[in-house]
Amino acid sequence: MGVSGYMNKEKVLLIDMLNMYVRNFSAFVLTNENGELVSGLYGSLASIRSQIELHQPDHIFVVWEGEKSSERRRKTLTEYKEGRTFKGLNRRHFGGSLEDERESFARQITVLKECLDNLPIRQLAVKFLEADDVIAYLCKGVLQDRFEKIIVSSDRDYFQLVDDTTTVFRPIKTKQDPQGQYINMDWMMNKEECFPPNYTLIKALCGDKSDNITGVNGVGEKTVKRDFPFITDYRHYSTDEIFTYSAEQVLNKNKKYQKYIDNKNLIEQNYKIVQLLQEEMSIRSVDSIFSMVEKAETKFNPPKFRIKLMSEGISPNNIDSWVSSFSTLKTGFIKHR
């Protein structure tokens, strides 16, 4: 990690909250004194506390999906995220009842938001924007290079945002990375073999099955990196340059590039969808993000936080250490427009 880029900068943790919540809701079964499932609530709070201990941030933003967040992209691709279901959730706990599981899923999110309201953490949700759109604008449009930013999410879409002051932390533990993966510039250039902004090209060409985005038939990440080795250059390439390069290769009788030219409309459509910094983001949405960020103070009310947990039948043995961890966060924030 480039230390020089982080000198004397306050550190901001940007948490894709639904991503974290789903991982905890589905990871284990934990019930309260009334037999209600609380794994999403308890696990998410414990995870946030763990991220504080690991990264020692000055500020935390948790970002939720906004109301009707998928509608903008569905104007381009009607199938976008259609029929998406969570796999591996705790349906067995509810005797196989999908309705009961959904009710518990929603109830715990409501309680989690109420708990976070009593902690020095800012919660953001902007209508018509997905969490990754908001986080992208926070990184590039609000915080910029004045802060060290760490995005916490397992979603690889965030790779396109990595720069000298922005890192993605994927809480996926492996033998090589027992605490999780830090995706920084070195990782992107050496392991991912891609200049971060060009990761959008990989997604546009390959597609994304989890979001119902169809890529060019037979094309995967390895194929893209082999066919377009220049994506490792320290330069953001456009789809037009992909097509120009492909046309040149076809003229040189390298026929495998014809498939990219034949799928020009598909690739351009995909690129528009996977690009996080959307040009058509409304002024109202941008103003909403700024106004949420510029709230002078966050609340920190440990008694109310404890009472809320107790009302949910949750009494962690280490609640004092939880509160101590949250108390390290700053309540004020530098205003900048």
C-alpha atoms as a PDB file:
ATOM      1  CA  MET A   1       0.000   0.000   0.000  1.00  0.00           C
ATOM      2  CA  GLY A   2       1.446   3.355  -1.003  1.00  0.00           C
ATOM      3  CA  VAL A   3       2.252   4.996   2.326  1.00  0.00           C
ATOM      4  CA  SER A   4       3.142   8.314   0.707  1.00  0.00           C
ATOM      5  CA  GLY A   5      -0.451   8.710  -0.528  1.00  0.00           C
ATOM      6  CA  TYR A   6      -1.828   8.325   2.992  1.00  0.00           C
ATOM      7  CA  MET A   7       0.438  10.622   5.001  1.00  0.00           C
ATOM      8  CA  ASN A   8      -1.522  12.972   7.289  1.00  0.00           C
ATOM      9  CA  LYS A   9      -4.870  11.955   5.829  1.00  0.00           C
ATOM     10  CA  GLU A  10      -7.887  11.049   7.919  1.00  0.00           C
ATOM     11  CA  LYS A  11      -9.135   7.547   7.210  1.00  0.00           C
ATOM     12  CA  VAL A  12     -12.710   6.921   6.086  1.00  0.00           C
ATOM     13  CA  LEU A  13     -14.342   3.503   6.056  1.00  0.00           C
ATOM     14  CA  LEU A  14     -17.091   3.118   3.421  1.00  0.00           C
ATOM     15  CA  ILE A  15     -19.210   0.038   4.125  1.00  0.00           C
ATOM     16  CA  ASP A  16     -21.544  -1.501   1.556  1.00  0.00           C
ATOM     17  CA  MET A  17     -24.046  -2.274   4.286  1.00  0.00           C
ATOM     18  CA  LEU A  18     -26.434  -4.627   2.508  1.00  0.00           C
ATOM     19  CA  ASN A  19     -23.459  -6.655   1.298  1.00  0.00           C
ATOM     20  CA  MET A  20     -22.207  -6.979   4.884  1.00  0.00           C
ATOM     21  CA  TYR A  21     -25.684  -7.623   6.283  1.00  0.00           C
ATOM     22  CA  VAL A  22     -26.500 -10.439   3.830  1.00  0.00           C
ATOM     23  CA  ARG A  23     -23.202 -12.153   4.558  1.00  0.00           C
ATOM     24  CA  ASN A  24     -23.974 -12.122   8.287  1.00  0.00           C
ATOM     25  CA  PHE A  25     -27.653 -13.009   7.963  1.00  0.00           C
ATOM     26  CA  SER A  26     -26.763 -16.111   5.976  1.00  0.00           C
ATOM     27  CA  ALA A  27     -23.554 -17.125   7.745  1.00  0.00           C
ATOM     28  CA  PHE A  28     -24.900 -18.592  10.975  1.00  0.00           C
ATOM     29  CA  VAL A  29     -27.952 -19.092  13.178  1.00  0.00           C
ATOM     30  CA  LEU A  30     -28.117 -16.902  16.279  1.00  0.00           C
ATOM     31  CA  THR A  31     -31.336 -16.381  18.207  1.00  0.00           C
ATOM     32  CA  ASN A  32     -32.253 -14.017  21.022  1.00  0.00           C
ATOM     33  CA  GLU A  33     -34.003 -14.812  24.300  1.00  0.00           C
ATOM     34  CA  ASN A  34     -37.346 -14.967  22.475  1.00  0.00           C
ATOM     35  CA  GLY A  35     -36.090 -17.443  19.888  1.00  0.00           C
ATOM     36  CA  GLU A  36     -36.014 -14.811  17.114  1.00  0.00           C
ATOM     37  CA  LEU A  37     -33.196 -14.926  14.590  1.00  0.00           C
ATOM     38  CA  VAL A  38     -30.749 -12.030  15.141  1.00  0.00           C
ATOM     39  CA  SER A  39     -27.707 -13.173  13.169  1.00  0.00           C
ATOM     40  CA  GLY A  40     -28.024 -10.315  10.666  1.00  0.00           C
ATOM     41  CA  LEU A  41     -28.299  -7.674  13.381  1.00  0.00           C
ATOM     42  CA  TYR A  42     -25.715  -9.041  15.791  1.00  0.00           C
ATOM     43  CA  GLY A  43     -23.326 -10.194  13.086  1.00  0.00           C
ATOM     44  CA  SER A  44     -23.354  -6.840  11.277  1.00  0.00           C
ATOM     45  CA  LEU A  45     -22.646  -4.851  14.427  1.00  0.00           C
ATOM     46  CA  ALA A  46     -19.873  -7.271  15.364  1.00  0.00           C
ATOM     47  CA  SER A  47     -18.457  -6.996  11.831  1.00  0.00           C
ATOM     48  CA  ILE A  48     -18.427  -3.192  11.938  1.00  0.00           C
ATOM     49  CA  ARG A  49     -16.663  -3.333  15.275  1.00  0.00           C
ATOM     50  CA  SER A  50     -14.157  -5.804  13.808  1.00  0.00           C
ATOM     51  CA  GLN A  51     -13.504  -3.462  10.867  1.00  0.00           C
ATOM     52  CA  ILE A  52     -12.851  -0.605  13.305  1.00  0.00           C
ATOM     53  CA  GLU A  53     -10.320  -2.718  15.185  1.00  0.00           C
ATOM     54  CA  LEU A  54      -8.643  -3.802  11.951  1.00  0.00           C
ATOM     55  CA  HIS A  55      -8.493  -0.489  10.060  1.00  0.00           C
ATOM     56  CA  GLN A  56      -8.704   2.099  12.883  1.00  0.00           C
ATOM     57  CA  PRO A  57     -10.690   4.658  10.837  1.00  0.00           C
ATOM     58  CA  ASP A  58     -11.506   8.211  11.848  1.00  0.00           C
ATOM     59  CA  HIS A  59     -14.951   8.127  10.208  1.00  0.00           C
ATOM     60  CA  ILE A  60     -17.425   5.522   8.965  1.00  0.00           C
ATOM     61  CA  PHE A  61     -20.134   5.776   6.341  1.00  0.00           C
ATOM     62  CA  VAL A  62     -22.499   2.860   5.932  1.00  0.00           C
ATOM     63  CA  VAL A  63     -24.292   3.001   2.604  1.00  0.00           C
ATOM     64  CA  TRP A  64     -27.598   1.277   1.880  1.00  0.00           C
ATOM     65  CA  GLU A  65     -29.420   0.643  -1.371  1.00  0.00           C
ATOM     66  CA  GLY A  66     -31.721   3.572  -2.145  1.00  0.00           C
ATOM     67  CA  GLU A  67     -35.415   3.241  -2.868  1.00  0.00           C
ATOM     68  CA  LYS A  68     -35.969   1.985  -6.443  1.00  0.00           C
ATOM     69  CA  SER A  69     -32.192   1.763  -6.767  1.00  0.00           C
ATOM     70  CA  SER A  70     -32.206  -0.576  -9.779  1.00  0.00           C
ATOM     71  CA  GLU A  71     -34.631   1.441 -11.899  1.00  0.00           C
ATOM     72  CA  ARG A  72     -32.030   3.609 -13.681  1.00  0.00           C
ATOM     73  CA  ARG A  73     -30.103   0.625 -14.991  1.00  0.00           C
ATOM     74  CA  ARG A  74     -33.267  -1.263 -15.868  1.00  0.00           C
ATOM     75  CA  LYS A  75     -34.031   1.493 -18.352  1.00  0.00           C
ATOM     76  CA  THR A  76     -30.960   0.211 -20.201  1.00  0.00           C
ATOM     77  CA  LEU A  77     -31.357  -3.506 -19.408  1.00  0.00           C
ATOM     78  CA  THR A  78     -34.809  -4.631 -18.291  1.00  0.00           C
ATOM     79  CA  GLU A  79     -33.432  -7.928 -16.960  1.00  0.00           C
ATOM     80  CA  TYR A  80     -30.942  -6.172 -14.659  1.00  0.00           C
ATOM     81  CA  LYS A  81     -31.002  -7.957 -11.260  1.00  0.00           C
ATOM     82  CA  GLU A  82     -34.389  -9.422 -12.169  1.00  0.00           C
ATOM     83  CA  GLY A  83     -35.368 -12.428 -10.074  1.00  0.00           C
ATOM     84  CA  ARG A  84     -32.268 -12.109  -7.950  1.00  0.00           C
ATOM     85  CA  THR A  85     -32.449 -14.354  -4.889  1.00  0.00           C
ATOM     86  CA  PHE A  86     -30.154 -14.816  -1.929  1.00  0.00           C
ATOM     87  CA  LYS A  87     -28.694 -18.288  -1.634  1.00  0.00           C
ATOM     88  CA  GLY A  88     -27.736 -20.109   1.541  1.00  0.00           C
ATOM     89  CA  LEU A  89     -29.958 -18.120   3.890  1.00  0.00           C
ATOM     90  CA  ASN A  90     -31.436 -19.427   7.106  1.00  0.00           C
ATOM     91  CA  ARG A  91     -34.644 -20.913   5.694  1.00  0.00           C
ATOM     92  CA  ARG A  92     -34.211 -24.075   7.744  1.00  0.00           C
ATOM     93  CA  HIS A  93     -34.577 -22.026  10.901  1.00  0.00           C
ATOM     94  CA  PHE A  94     -38.042 -20.974   9.709  1.00  0.00           C
ATOM     95  CA  GLY A  95     -39.148 -24.468   8.762  1.00  0.00           C
ATOM     96  CA  GLY A  96     -38.658 -23.676   5.086  1.00  0.00           C
ATOM     97  CA  SER A  97     -40.985 -20.644   5.163  1.00  0.00           C
ATOM     98  CA  LEU A  98     -39.799 -17.996   2.690  1.00  0.00           C
ATOM     99  CA  GLU A  99     -42.311 -15.479   4.063  1.00  0.00           C
ATOM    100  CA  ASP A 100     -41.046 -15.818   7.647  1.00  0.00           C
ATOM    101  CA  GLU A 101     -37.458 -15.537   6.475  1.00  0.00           C
ATOM    102  CA  ARG A 102     -38.193 -12.359   4.522  1.00  0.00           C
ATOM    103  CA  GLU A 103     -40.003 -10.860   7.502  1.00  0.00           C
ATOM    104  CA  SER A 104     -37.013 -11.546   9.770  1.00  0.00           C
ATOM    105  CA  PHE A 105     -34.621 -10.215   7.115  1.00  0.00           C
ATOM    106  CA  ALA A 106     -36.500  -6.900   6.909  1.00  0.00           C
ATOM    107  CA  ARG A 107     -37.108  -6.590  10.671  1.00  0.00           C
ATOM    108  CA  GLN A 108     -33.442  -6.982  11.524  1.00  0.00           C
ATOM    109  CA  ILE A 109     -32.453  -4.329   8.970  1.00  0.00           C
ATOM    110  CA  THR A 110     -34.874  -1.878  10.622  1.00  0.00           C
ATOM    111  CA  VAL A 111     -33.421  -2.569  14.064  1.00  0.00           C
ATOM    112  CA  LEU A 112     -29.865  -2.375  12.741  1.00  0.00           C
ATOM    113  CA  LYS A 113     -30.520   1.091  11.318  1.00  0.00           C
ATOM    114  CA  GLU A 114     -31.943   2.186  14.687  1.00  0.00           C
ATOM    115  CA  CYS A 115     -28.839   0.889  16.465  1.00  0.00           C
ATOM    116  CA  LEU A 116     -26.526   2.694  14.045  1.00  0.00           C
ATOM    117  CA  ASP A 117     -28.427   5.941  14.675  1.00  0.00           C
ATOM    118  CA  ASN A 118     -27.008   5.888  18.194  1.00  0.00           C
ATOM    119  CA  LEU A 119     -23.407   5.370  17.046  1.00  0.00           C
ATOM    120  CA  PRO A 120     -20.944   7.877  15.532  1.00  0.00           C
ATOM    121  CA  ILE A 121     -21.637   6.442  12.082  1.00  0.00           C
ATOM    122  CA  ARG A 122     -23.267   8.144   9.095  1.00  0.00           C
ATOM    123  CA  GLN A 123     -25.908   6.201   7.208  1.00  0.00           C
ATOM    124  CA  LEU A 124     -26.604   7.087   3.581  1.00  0.00           C
ATOM    125  CA  ALA A 125     -29.298   5.923   1.183  1.00  0.00           C
ATOM    126  CA  VAL A 126     -30.188   7.939  -1.914  1.00  0.00           C
ATOM    127  CA  LYS A 127     -33.350   7.312  -3.923  1.00  0.00           C
ATOM    128  CA  PHE A 128     -32.702   5.757  -7.357  1.00  0.00           C
ATOM    129  CA  LEU A 129     -29.036   5.069  -6.496  1.00  0.00           C
ATOM    130  CA  GLU A 130     -27.426   1.755  -5.629  1.00  0.00           C
ATOM    131  CA  ALA A 131     -24.939   1.630  -2.767  1.00  0.00           C
ATOM    132  CA  ASP A 132     -21.974   1.277  -5.116  1.00  0.00           C
ATOM    133  CA  ASP A 133     -23.041   4.419  -7.020  1.00  0.00           C
ATOM    134  CA  VAL A 134     -23.108   6.429  -3.791  1.00  0.00           C
ATOM    135  CA  ILE A 135     -19.782   5.017  -2.618  1.00  0.00           C
ATOM    136  CA  ALA A 136     -18.237   5.795  -6.008  1.00  0.00           C
ATOM    137  CA  TYR A 137     -19.376   9.416  -5.815  1.00  0.00           C
ATOM    138  CA  LEU A 138     -18.197   9.703  -2.217  1.00  0.00           C
ATOM    139  CA  CYS A 139     -14.739   8.505  -3.277  1.00  0.00           C
ATOM    140  CA  LYS A 140     -14.341  10.505  -6.475  1.00  0.00           C
ATOM    141  CA  GLY A 141     -16.644  13.498  -6.028  1.00  0.00           C
ATOM    142  CA  VAL A 142     -16.718  14.276  -2.297  1.00  0.00           C
ATOM    143  CA  LEU A 143     -13.758  12.839  -0.391  1.00  0.00           C
ATOM    144  CA  GLN A 144     -11.410  12.729  -3.387  1.00  0.00           C
ATOM    145  CA  ASP A 145      -7.719  12.443  -2.485  1.00  0.00           C
ATOM    146  CA  ARG A 146      -8.053  14.441   0.741  1.00  0.00           C
ATOM    147  CA  PHE A 147      -8.801  11.240   2.691  1.00  0.00           C
ATOM    148  CA  GLU A 148      -7.617   7.670   2.814  1.00  0.00           C
ATOM    149  CA  LYS A 149     -10.671   5.608   1.799  1.00  0.00           C
ATOM    150  CA  ILE A 150     -11.264   1.923   2.461  1.00  0.00           C
ATOM    151  CA  ILE A 151     -14.317   0.350   0.820  1.00  0.00           C
ATOM    152  CA  VAL A 152     -15.552  -2.721   2.709  1.00  0.00           C
ATOM    153  CA  SER A 153     -17.375  -5.150   0.426  1.00  0.00           C
ATOM    154  CA  SER A 154     -16.960  -8.539  -1.230  1.00  0.00           C
ATOM    155  CA  ASP A 155     -18.288  -7.038  -4.494  1.00  0.00           C
ATOM    156  CA  ARG A 156     -15.608  -6.934  -7.205  1.00  0.00           C
ATOM    157  CA  ASP A 157     -17.392  -4.032  -8.978  1.00  0.00           C
ATOM    158  CA  TYR A 158     -15.536  -1.688  -6.620  1.00  0.00           C
ATOM    159  CA  PHE A 159     -12.189  -2.643  -8.180  1.00  0.00           C
ATOM    160  CA  GLN A 160     -12.701   0.139 -10.750  1.00  0.00           C
ATOM    161  CA  LEU A 161     -12.478   2.735  -7.934  1.00  0.00           C
ATOM    162  CA  VAL A 162      -9.052   1.741  -6.602  1.00  0.00           C
ATOM    163  CA  ASP A 163      -6.439   4.500  -6.745  1.00  0.00           C
ATOM    164  CA  ASP A 164      -3.540   5.856  -4.684  1.00  0.00           C
ATOM    165  CA  THR A 165      -5.854   6.774  -1.783  1.00  0.00           C
ATOM    166  CA  THR A 166      -8.652   4.220  -2.258  1.00  0.00           C
ATOM    167  CA  THR A 167      -8.456   0.563  -1.254  1.00  0.00           C
ATOM    168  CA  VAL A 168     -11.093  -2.160  -1.388  1.00  0.00           C
ATOM    169  CA  PHE A 169     -11.132  -4.549   1.561  1.00  0.00           C
ATOM    170  CA  ARG A 170     -12.844  -7.856   0.806  1.00  0.00           C
ATOM    171  CA  PRO A 171     -13.704  -9.660   4.099  1.00  0.00           C
ATOM    172  CA  ILE A 172     -13.059 -13.047   2.528  1.00  0.00           C
ATOM    173  CA  LYS A 173     -10.510 -14.997   4.540  1.00  0.00           C
ATOM    174  CA  THR A 174      -8.058 -17.355   2.857  1.00  0.00           C
ATOM    175  CA  LYS A 175      -4.803 -19.034   3.835  1.00  0.00           C
ATOM    176  CA  GLN A 176      -2.935 -16.314   1.933  1.00  0.00           C
ATOM    177  CA  ASP A 177      -5.076 -13.527   3.438  1.00  0.00           C
ATOM    178  CA  PRO A 178      -6.291 -14.687   6.887  1.00  0.00           C
ATOM    179  CA  GLN A 179      -7.800 -11.290   7.705  1.00  0.00           C
ATOM    180  CA  GLY A 180      -9.209 -10.575   4.254  1.00  0.00           C
ATOM    181  CA  GLN A 181      -8.009  -9.162   0.943  1.00  0.00           C
ATOM    182  CA  TYR A 182      -6.684  -5.627   0.508  1.00  0.00           C
ATOM    183  CA  ILE A 183      -7.208  -4.641  -3.118  1.00  0.00           C
ATOM    184  CA  ASN A 184      -4.881  -1.708  -3.794  1.00  0.00           C
ATOM    185  CA  MET A 185      -3.001  -0.422  -6.829  1.00  0.00           C
ATOM    186  CA  ASP A 186      -0.261  -3.047  -6.486  1.00  0.00           C
ATOM    187  CA  TRP A 187      -2.861  -5.823  -6.350  1.00  0.00           C
ATOM    188  CA  MET A 188      -4.737  -4.486  -9.379  1.00  0.00           C
ATOM    189  CA  MET A 189      -1.624  -4.070 -11.529  1.00  0.00           C
ATOM    190  CA  ASN A 190       0.169  -7.277 -10.522  1.00  0.00           C
ATOM    191  CA  LYS A 191      -2.472  -9.826  -9.514  1.00  0.00           C
ATOM    192  CA  GLU A 192      -5.536  -8.534 -11.372  1.00  0.00           C
ATOM    193  CA  GLU A 193      -3.366  -7.332 -14.289  1.00  0.00           C
ATOM    194  CA  CYS A 194      -5.600  -4.350 -14.908  1.00  0.00           C
ATOM    195  CA  PHE A 195      -5.420  -0.591 -14.396  1.00  0.00           C
ATOM    196  CA  PRO A 196      -8.439  -0.049 -12.075  1.00  0.00           C
ATOM    197  CA  PRO A 197     -10.631   2.150 -14.332  1.00  0.00           C
ATOM    198  CA  ASN A 198     -10.235  -0.455 -17.087  1.00  0.00           C
ATOM    199  CA  TYR A 199     -11.940  -3.061 -14.919  1.00  0.00           C
ATOM    200  CA  THR A 200     -15.196  -1.686 -16.349  1.00  0.00           C
ATOM    201  CA  LEU A 201     -14.066  -2.948 -19.762  1.00  0.00           C
ATOM    202  CA  ILE A 202     -13.555  -6.449 -18.368  1.00  0.00           C
ATOM    203  CA  LYS A 203     -17.063  -6.403 -16.885  1.00  0.00           C
ATOM    204  CA  ALA A 204     -18.543  -5.012 -20.109  1.00  0.00           C
ATOM    205  CA  LEU A 205     -16.971  -7.765 -22.212  1.00  0.00           C
ATOM    206  CA  CYS A 206     -17.499 -10.651 -19.775  1.00  0.00           C
ATOM    207  CA  GLY A 207     -20.849  -9.652 -18.301  1.00  0.00           C
ATOM    208  CA  ASP A 208     -21.997 -10.511 -14.785  1.00  0.00           C
ATOM    209  CA  LYS A 209     -24.320 -13.474 -14.229  1.00  0.00           C
ATOM    210  CA  SER A 210     -25.242 -12.312 -10.717  1.00  0.00           C
ATOM    211  CA  ASP A 211     -26.755  -9.135 -12.208  1.00  0.00           C
ATOM    212  CA  ASN A 212     -28.177 -10.808 -15.342  1.00  0.00           C
ATOM    213  CA  ILE A 213     -25.651  -8.988 -17.554  1.00  0.00           C
ATOM    214  CA  THR A 214     -24.811 -11.148 -20.564  1.00  0.00           C
ATOM    215  CA  GLY A 215     -21.281 -10.862 -21.910  1.00  0.00           C
ATOM    216  CA  VAL A 216     -19.729 -11.806 -25.239  1.00  0.00           C
ATOM    217  CA  ASN A 217     -20.183 -15.532 -25.717  1.00  0.00           C
ATOM    218  CA  GLY A 218     -17.109 -17.519 -24.685  1.00  0.00           C
ATOM    219  CA  VAL A 219     -15.262 -14.513 -23.260  1.00  0.00           C
ATOM    220  CA  GLY A 220     -13.964 -14.542 -19.665  1.00  0.00           C
ATOM    221  CA  GLU A 221     -11.537 -12.365 -17.739  1.00  0.00           C
ATOM    222  CA  LYS A 222      -8.490 -14.328 -18.898  1.00  0.00           C
ATOM    223  CA  THR A 223      -9.611 -13.950 -22.512  1.00  0.00           C
ATOM    224  CA  VAL A 224     -10.011 -10.180 -22.177  1.00  0.00           C
ATOM    225  CA  LYS A 225      -6.600  -9.771 -20.578  1.00  0.00           C
ATOM    226  CA  ARG A 226      -4.999 -11.884 -23.297  1.00  0.00           C
ATOM    227  CA  ASP A 227      -6.780 -10.164 -26.181  1.00  0.00           C
ATOM    228  CA  PHE A 228      -6.329  -6.617 -24.841  1.00  0.00           C
ATOM    229  CA  PRO A 229      -3.022  -6.605 -22.879  1.00  0.00           C
ATOM    230  CA  PHE A 230      -2.907  -2.801 -22.902  1.00  0.00           C
ATOM    231  CA  ILE A 231      -5.539  -2.624 -20.115  1.00  0.00           C
ATOM    232  CA  THR A 232      -2.577  -2.775 -17.718  1.00  0.00           C
ATOM    233  CA  ASP A 233      -1.358   0.606 -19.025  1.00  0.00           C
ATOM    234  CA  TYR A 234      -1.745   3.521 -16.638  1.00  0.00           C
ATOM    235  CA  ARG A 235      -4.503   4.893 -18.797  1.00  0.00           C
ATOM    236  CA  HIS A 236      -8.286   4.599 -18.891  1.00  0.00           C
ATOM    237  CA  TYR A 237      -9.298   3.102 -22.231  1.00  0.00           C
ATOM    238  CA  SER A 238     -12.739   3.514 -23.815  1.00  0.00           C
ATOM    239  CA  THR A 239     -14.950   1.005 -25.591  1.00  0.00           C
ATOM    240  CA  ASP A 240     -14.244   2.877 -28.841  1.00  0.00           C
ATOM    241  CA  GLU A 241     -10.567   2.015 -28.466  1.00  0.00           C
ATOM    242  CA  ILE A 242     -11.485  -1.631 -27.903  1.00  0.00           C
ATOM    243  CA  PHE A 243     -13.417  -1.642 -31.188  1.00  0.00           C
ATOM    244  CA  THR A 244     -10.665   0.218 -33.075  1.00  0.00           C
ATOM    245  CA  TYR A 245      -8.046  -2.240 -31.857  1.00  0.00           C
ATOM    246  CA  SER A 246     -10.304  -5.181 -32.749  1.00  0.00           C
ATOM    247  CA  ALA A 247     -10.857  -3.807 -36.272  1.00  0.00           C
ATOM    248  CA  GLU A 248      -7.104  -3.462 -36.772  1.00  0.00           C
ATOM    249  CA  GLN A 249      -6.596  -7.063 -35.668  1.00  0.00           C
ATOM    250  CA  VAL A 250      -9.280  -8.290 -38.068  1.00  0.00           C
ATOM    251  CA  LEU A 251      -7.573  -6.430 -40.934  1.00  0.00           C
ATOM    252  CA  ASN A 252      -4.414  -8.312 -39.952  1.00  0.00           C
ATOM    253  CA  LYS A 253      -6.421 -11.524 -40.387  1.00  0.00           C
ATOM    254  CA  ASN A 254      -6.801 -12.183 -36.672  1.00  0.00           C
ATOM    255  CA  LYS A 255     -10.406 -13.297 -36.964  1.00  0.00           C
ATOM    256  CA  LYS A 256     -11.013 -13.997 -33.269  1.00  0.00           C
ATOM    257  CA  TYR A 257     -11.486 -10.248 -32.748  1.00  0.00           C
ATOM    258  CA  GLN A 258     -14.530 -10.204 -35.017  1.00  0.00           C
ATOM    259  CA  LYS A 259     -16.726 -11.284 -32.120  1.00  0.00           C
ATOM    260  CA  TYR A 260     -16.047  -7.995 -30.328  1.00  0.00           C
ATOM    261  CA  ILE A 261     -17.077  -5.978 -33.382  1.00  0.00           C
ATOM    262  CA  ASP A 262     -20.179  -8.123 -33.867  1.00  0.00           C
ATOM    263  CA  ASN A 263     -21.187  -7.499 -30.232  1.00  0.00           C
ATOM    264  CA  LYS A 264     -20.565  -3.744 -30.240  1.00  0.00           C
ATOM    265  CA  ASN A 265     -24.092  -2.826 -29.087  1.00  0.00           C
ATOM    266  CA  LEU A 266     -24.015  -5.398 -26.281  1.00  0.00           C
ATOM    267  CA  ILE A 267     -20.617  -4.222 -25.039  1.00  0.00           C
ATOM    268  CA  GLU A 268     -21.622  -0.553 -25.094  1.00  0.00           C
ATOM    269  CA  GLN A 269     -24.821  -1.357 -23.222  1.00  0.00           C
ATOM    270  CA  ASN A 270     -22.925  -3.380 -20.627  1.00  0.00           C
ATOM    271  CA  TYR A 271     -20.335  -0.647 -20.181  1.00  0.00           C
ATOM    272  CA  LYS A 272     -23.060   1.873 -19.423  1.00  0.00           C
ATOM    273  CA  ILE A 273     -24.501  -0.445 -16.771  1.00  0.00           C
ATOM    274  CA  VAL A 274     -21.286  -1.462 -14.986  1.00  0.00           C
ATOM    275  CA  GLN A 275     -19.776   2.040 -14.912  1.00  0.00           C
ATOM    276  CA  LEU A 276     -20.220   3.286 -11.340  1.00  0.00           C
ATOM    277  CA  LEU A 277     -19.685   7.008 -11.951  1.00  0.00           C
ATOM    278  CA  GLN A 278     -22.810   7.534 -14.030  1.00  0.00           C
ATOM    279  CA  GLU A 279     -22.899  10.733 -16.070  1.00  0.00           C
ATOM    280  CA  GLU A 280     -26.689  10.929 -15.840  1.00  0.00           C
ATOM    281  CA  MET A 281     -26.688  11.006 -12.032  1.00  0.00           C
ATOM    282  CA  SER A 282     -29.172  13.760 -11.237  1.00  0.00           C
ATOM    283  CA  ILE A 283     -28.262  17.017  -9.533  1.00  0.00           C
ATOM    284  CA  ARG A 284     -30.820  16.132  -6.861  1.00  0.00           C
ATOM    285  CA  SER A 285     -28.984  12.877  -6.128  1.00  0.00           C
ATOM    286  CA  VAL A 286     -25.623  14.649  -5.947  1.00  0.00           C
ATOM    287  CA  ASP A 287     -27.049  17.286  -3.612  1.00  0.00           C
ATOM    288  CA  SER A 288     -28.523  14.531  -1.431  1.00  0.00           C
ATOM    289  CA  ILE A 289     -25.111  12.913  -1.051  1.00  0.00           C
ATOM    290  CA  PHE A 290     -23.429  16.221  -0.169  1.00  0.00           C
ATOM    291  CA  SER A 291     -26.125  17.197   2.345  1.00  0.00           C
ATOM    292  CA  MET A 292     -25.844  13.847   4.115  1.00  0.00           C
ATOM    293  CA  VAL A 293     -22.059  14.092   4.278  1.00  0.00           C
ATOM    294  CA  GLU A 294     -22.067  17.661   5.522  1.00  0.00           C
ATOM    295  CA  LYS A 295     -24.062  17.010   8.690  1.00  0.00           C
ATOM    296  CA  ALA A 296     -21.794  18.577  11.278  1.00  0.00           C
ATOM    297  CA  GLU A 297     -22.044  15.909  13.963  1.00  0.00           C
ATOM    298  CA  THR A 298     -22.991  12.277  14.385  1.00  0.00           C
ATOM    299  CA  LYS A 299     -24.736  10.987  17.485  1.00  0.00           C
ATOM    300  CA  PHE A 300     -23.037   8.755  20.011  1.00  0.00           C
ATOM    301  CA  ASN A 301     -25.404   7.604  22.690  1.00  0.00           C
ATOM    302  CA  PRO A 302     -24.020   4.440  24.329  1.00  0.00           C
ATOM    303  CA  PRO A 303     -26.938   4.074  26.820  1.00  0.00           C
ATOM    304  CA  LYS A 304     -29.544   4.122  24.028  1.00  0.00           C
ATOM    305  CA  PHE A 305     -27.423   1.719  21.994  1.00  0.00           C
ATOM    306  CA  ARG A 306     -27.259  -0.714  24.909  1.00  0.00           C
ATOM    307  CA  ILE A 307     -30.980  -0.369  25.635  1.00  0.00           C
ATOM    308  CA  LYS A 308     -31.833  -1.034  21.984  1.00  0.00           C
ATOM    309  CA  LEU A 309     -29.806  -4.231  22.001  1.00  0.00           C
ATOM    310  CA  MET A 310     -31.352  -5.329  25.287  1.00  0.00           C
ATOM    311  CA  SER A 311     -34.846  -4.682  23.915  1.00  0.00           C
ATOM    312  CA  GLU A 312     -33.969  -7.128  21.145  1.00  0.00           C
ATOM    313  CA  GLY A 313     -32.872  -9.715  23.681  1.00  0.00           C
ATOM    314  CA  ILE A 314     -29.197  -9.267  22.873  1.00  0.00           C
ATOM    315  CA  SER A 315     -26.696  -8.856  25.693  1.00  0.00           C
ATOM    316  CA  PRO A 316     -23.143  -9.348  24.366  1.00  0.00           C
ATOM    317  CA  ASN A 317     -20.643 -10.257  27.049  1.00  0.00           C
ATOM    318  CA  ASN A 318     -18.167  -7.869  25.442  1.00  0.00           C
ATOM    319  CA  ILE A 319     -20.553  -4.920  25.015  1.00  0.00           C
ATOM    320  CA  ASP A 320     -18.120  -2.617  26.871  1.00  0.00           C
ATOM    321  CA  SER A 321     -15.396  -3.391  24.333  1.00  0.00           C
ATOM    322  CA  TRP A 322     -17.916  -2.746  21.525  1.00  0.00           C
ATOM    323  CA  VAL A 323     -18.705   0.684  22.934  1.00  0.00           C
ATOM    324  CA  SER A 324     -15.013   1.358  23.440  1.00  0.00           C
ATOM    325  CA  SER A 325     -14.335   0.568  19.772  1.00  0.00           C
ATOM    326  CA  PHE A 326     -17.119   2.850  18.534  1.00  0.00           C
ATOM    327  CA  SER A 327     -15.896   5.645  20.800  1.00  0.00           C
ATOM    328  CA  THR A 328     -12.668   5.896  18.767  1.00  0.00           C
ATOM    329  CA  LEU A 329     -14.623   7.367  15.818  1.00  0.00           C
ATOM    330  CA  LYS A 330     -14.759  11.126  15.390  1.00  0.00           C
ATOM    331  CA  THR A 331     -18.183  12.776  15.556  1.00  0.00           C
ATOM    332  CA  GLY A 332     -17.275  15.850  13.508  1.00  0.00           C
ATOM    333  CA  PHE A 333     -16.459  15.893   9.819  1.00  0.00           C
ATOM    334  CA  ILE A 334     -14.729  18.349   7.527  1.00  0.00           C
ATOM    335  CA  LYS A 335     -17.266  20.144   5.373  1.00  0.00           C
ATOM    336  CA  HIS A 336     -16.319  20.461   1.741  1.00  0.00           C
ATOM    337  CA  ARG A 337     -18.335  21.422  -1.320  1.00  0.00           C
END
